[in-house]
Protein backbone atom coordinates (compact mmCIF):
# COMPACT_ATOMS: atom_id res chain seq x y z
CA UNK A 1 -4.30 -33.52 23.74
CA UNK A 2 -1.27 -31.60 22.50
CA UNK A 3 -1.24 -27.85 22.39
CA UNK A 4 -0.26 -26.11 19.16
CA UNK A 5 3.16 -24.44 19.33
CA UNK A 6 3.22 -20.77 18.33
CA UNK A 7 6.72 -19.58 17.48
CA UNK A 8 5.63 -15.93 17.71
CA UNK A 9 5.12 -16.25 21.46
CA UNK A 10 8.90 -16.62 21.81
CA UNK A 11 9.94 -13.72 19.57
CA UNK A 12 10.49 -10.10 20.68
CA UNK A 13 8.20 -7.29 19.46
CA UNK A 14 10.56 -6.30 16.66
CA UNK A 15 10.45 -9.84 15.30
CA UNK A 16 6.66 -10.21 15.10
CA UNK A 17 4.82 -10.61 11.77
CA UNK A 18 3.39 -7.08 11.86
CA UNK A 19 6.81 -5.50 12.41
CA UNK A 20 8.44 -7.61 9.70
CA UNK A 21 5.73 -6.70 7.18
CA UNK A 22 5.73 -3.04 8.16
CA UNK A 23 9.52 -2.76 7.86
CA UNK A 24 9.50 -4.39 4.44
CA UNK A 25 6.70 -2.17 3.21
CA UNK A 26 8.52 0.94 4.44
CA UNK A 27 11.75 -0.13 2.72
CA UNK A 28 10.05 -0.94 -0.57
CA UNK A 29 7.97 2.24 -0.42
CA UNK A 30 11.04 4.32 0.38
CA UNK A 31 12.92 2.87 -2.56
CA UNK A 32 10.06 3.99 -4.80
CA UNK A 33 9.81 7.45 -3.23
CA UNK A 34 13.56 8.03 -3.47
CA UNK A 35 14.24 6.50 -6.88
CA UNK A 36 10.90 6.67 -8.70
CA UNK A 37 12.15 3.69 -10.67
CA UNK A 38 10.11 0.51 -10.91
CA UNK A 39 13.15 -1.70 -11.60
CA UNK A 40 15.01 -0.48 -8.53
CA UNK A 41 11.92 -1.01 -6.39
CA UNK A 42 11.51 -4.52 -7.82
CA UNK A 43 15.16 -5.32 -7.10
CA UNK A 44 14.75 -4.05 -3.55
CA UNK A 45 11.53 -6.00 -3.07
CA UNK A 46 12.84 -9.39 -4.24
CA UNK A 47 14.98 -10.21 -1.18
CA UNK A 48 12.35 -8.72 1.13
CA UNK A 49 9.57 -10.87 -0.33
CA UNK A 50 11.86 -13.92 -0.18
CA UNK A 51 12.51 -13.14 3.49
CA UNK A 52 8.76 -12.75 4.12
CA UNK A 53 8.01 -16.13 2.53
CA UNK A 54 10.72 -17.85 4.54
CA UNK A 55 10.30 -16.14 7.89
CA UNK A 56 6.53 -15.62 7.94
CA UNK A 57 5.37 -18.82 6.25
CA UNK A 58 8.01 -21.55 6.11
CA UNK A 59 9.89 -20.99 9.38
CA UNK A 60 6.83 -21.07 11.68
CA UNK A 61 5.53 -24.16 9.89
CA UNK A 62 8.89 -25.96 10.23
CA UNK A 63 9.27 -25.04 13.91
CA UNK A 64 5.73 -26.18 14.64
CA UNK A 65 6.33 -29.51 12.88
CA UNK A 66 9.59 -30.01 14.77
CA UNK A 67 7.89 -29.30 18.10
CA UNK A 68 5.05 -31.70 17.30
CA UNK A 69 7.55 -34.44 16.41
CA UNK A 70 9.46 -33.77 19.59
CA UNK A 71 6.27 -34.06 21.65
CA UNK A 72 5.35 -37.33 19.93
CA UNK A 73 8.75 -38.81 20.77
CA UNK A 74 8.33 -38.03 24.47
């Protein structure tokens, strides 16, 4: 039986899902508090949300798939 690979076990504390989400929320919230402009906040949030989707959803899935394939080959 193969054990599921968890990419987060190999990342430092500042690269954990909670810290990534918290940092993004603080940046987006700060842009609103400083600018009080919805369009600026939306422009700030676009790359952050894209990063969240990639790093919190796609990246762990891809690493897990790669590790499973590697285990099957061995």
